[in-house]
């Protein structure tokens, strides 16, 4: 009778790789820095399905939003607080810029692009007004 030496089974690295990816993603959630308004102006770049920066802050009162469309599609910037629209920058074509000044109350606002399904595809962010 021949004795067969058992070989250790190769382990798949997939579970370990998946765990590392999930941990890295979770570590990034909520840790993105918040960019504040400079001299009362918030500059937001509009790109395909993202706002840059995605998290911003400002003081209550008049805030000027200056947007630039860096994408290849038309985009806009809308503000919503507790389901109520607070205005925003109108839709503009690629390479164009927009600007609007809004008087904001303290609270948390959602920034989004209301064109098509851009918001659902990730084109949103948050604005904290204090």
Protein backbone atom coordinates (compact mmCIF):
# COMPACT_ATOMS: atom_id res chain seq x y z
CA UNK A 1 0.00 0.00 0.00
CA UNK A 2 1.47 3.30 -1.05
CA UNK A 3 1.32 6.18 1.31
CA UNK A 4 0.24 9.40 -0.40
CA UNK A 5 1.41 12.55 1.23
CA UNK A 6 -1.40 15.03 1.56
CA UNK A 7 -0.76 18.43 0.10
CA UNK A 8 -2.10 21.52 1.76
CA UNK A 9 -5.03 22.89 -0.19
CA UNK A 10 -4.49 26.22 -1.87
CA UNK A 11 -6.55 28.89 -0.22
CA UNK A 12 -8.44 31.34 -2.28
CA UNK A 13 -7.37 34.92 -1.65
CA UNK A 14 -10.82 36.20 -2.66
CA UNK A 15 -12.31 36.38 0.87
CA UNK A 16 -9.24 38.19 2.17
CA UNK A 17 -9.18 40.59 -0.78
CA UNK A 18 -12.90 41.27 -0.38
CA UNK A 19 -12.46 41.97 3.33
CA UNK A 20 -9.63 44.42 2.60
CA UNK A 21 -11.68 46.26 -0.04
CA UNK A 22 -14.69 46.52 2.26
CA UNK A 23 -12.54 47.74 5.15
CA UNK A 24 -10.89 50.36 2.97
CA UNK A 25 -14.28 51.54 1.70
CA UNK A 26 -15.74 51.70 5.19
CA UNK A 27 -12.73 53.63 6.44
CA UNK A 28 -13.28 56.21 3.70
CA UNK A 29 -16.97 56.68 4.47
CA UNK A 30 -17.54 59.87 6.36
CA UNK A 31 -13.86 60.68 6.56
CA UNK A 32 -13.76 62.93 3.52
CA UNK A 33 -12.86 66.45 4.57
CA UNK A 34 -15.50 69.14 4.41
CA UNK A 35 -14.52 72.19 2.40
CA UNK A 36 -15.79 75.56 3.57
CA UNK A 37 -16.88 78.64 1.71
CA UNK A 38 -14.16 81.20 1.04
CA UNK A 39 -15.30 84.79 1.39
CA UNK A 40 -18.91 83.58 1.19
CA UNK A 41 -18.33 81.73 -2.12
CA UNK A 42 -18.65 77.97 -2.56
CA UNK A 43 -16.96 76.66 -5.69
CA UNK A 44 -18.39 73.37 -6.94
CA UNK A 45 -17.26 71.49 -10.04
CA UNK A 46 -19.92 69.47 -11.85
CA UNK A 47 -18.69 66.31 -13.54
CA UNK A 48 -20.33 63.13 -14.73
CA UNK A 49 -22.29 61.89 -11.74
CA UNK A 50 -20.31 63.67 -9.03
CA UNK A 51 -19.93 67.02 -7.32
CA UNK A 52 -16.47 68.17 -6.31
CA UNK A 53 -16.20 68.73 -3.41
CA UNK A 54 -19.03 66.54 -2.20
CA UNK A 55 -19.16 67.85 1.39
CA UNK A 56 -19.11 71.59 2.01
CA UNK A 57 -19.94 74.02 4.80
CA UNK A 58 -20.87 77.68 5.03
CA UNK A 59 -22.11 80.27 7.47
CA UNK A 60 -25.78 81.20 7.53
CA UNK A 61 -26.74 84.18 5.40
CA UNK A 62 -25.87 84.99 1.81
CA UNK A 63 -23.81 82.26 0.12
CA UNK A 64 -22.69 82.47 -3.50
CA UNK A 65 -22.47 79.20 -5.42
CA UNK A 66 -20.03 79.25 -8.30
CA UNK A 67 -20.24 76.15 -10.48
CA UNK A 68 -18.25 74.96 -13.46
CA UNK A 69 -19.34 72.11 -15.68
CA UNK A 70 -16.28 69.91 -16.30
CA UNK A 71 -18.31 67.07 -17.78
CA UNK A 72 -19.58 66.24 -21.24
CA UNK A 73 -23.27 66.41 -20.28
CA UNK A 74 -25.44 69.31 -19.11
CA UNK A 75 -25.60 69.68 -15.30
CA UNK A 76 -27.10 71.91 -12.62
CA UNK A 77 -26.87 72.33 -8.85
CA UNK A 78 -29.98 72.28 -6.66
CA UNK A 79 -30.29 72.63 -2.89
CA UNK A 80 -32.92 70.75 -0.87
CA UNK A 81 -33.57 71.01 2.87
CA UNK A 82 -36.16 68.78 4.52
CA UNK A 83 -37.84 68.12 1.19
CA UNK A 84 -38.05 71.81 0.28
CA UNK A 85 -36.17 73.22 -2.71
CA UNK A 86 -34.00 76.20 -1.84
CA UNK A 87 -32.92 77.18 -5.33
CA UNK A 88 -29.64 76.60 -7.08
CA UNK A 89 -27.64 77.19 -10.22
CA UNK A 90 -29.44 76.60 -13.53
CA UNK A 91 -28.52 73.90 -16.00
CA UNK A 92 -25.48 74.67 -18.09
CA UNK A 93 -23.67 72.94 -20.91
CA UNK A 94 -20.17 71.43 -20.76
CA UNK A 95 -17.43 74.01 -20.30
CA UNK A 96 -19.85 76.63 -18.97
CA UNK A 97 -20.08 78.17 -15.52
CA UNK A 98 -22.94 79.40 -13.38
CA UNK A 99 -23.35 81.55 -10.31
CA UNK A 100 -26.14 82.35 -7.85
CA UNK A 101 -26.35 83.89 -4.38
CA UNK A 102 -28.83 82.39 -1.92
CA UNK A 103 -29.71 83.42 1.63
CA UNK A 104 -29.41 80.19 3.63
CA UNK A 105 -30.69 79.35 7.10
CA UNK A 106 -28.73 77.10 9.46
CA UNK A 107 -29.18 73.38 8.87
CA UNK A 108 -28.20 70.53 6.59
CA UNK A 109 -28.89 70.71 2.87
CA UNK A 110 -28.60 68.15 0.10
CA UNK A 111 -26.85 69.35 -3.04
CA UNK A 112 -27.77 67.51 -6.23
CA UNK A 113 -28.00 67.61 -9.99
CA UNK A 114 -31.65 67.33 -11.02
CA UNK A 115 -30.93 66.56 -14.68
CA UNK A 116 -32.20 63.10 -15.70
CA UNK A 117 -31.13 60.49 -13.16
CA UNK A 118 -27.85 62.19 -12.30
CA UNK A 119 -28.64 62.28 -8.57
CA UNK A 120 -29.43 58.56 -8.52
CA UNK A 121 -26.14 57.90 -10.31
CA UNK A 122 -24.18 59.61 -7.52
CA UNK A 123 -24.31 63.30 -8.33
CA UNK A 124 -25.14 64.60 -4.87
CA UNK A 125 -23.45 66.02 -1.80
CA UNK A 126 -24.11 67.74 1.50
CA UNK A 127 -23.94 71.31 2.72
CA UNK A 128 -23.81 72.11 6.44
CA UNK A 129 -24.85 75.69 7.22
CA UNK A 130 -24.07 76.91 10.74
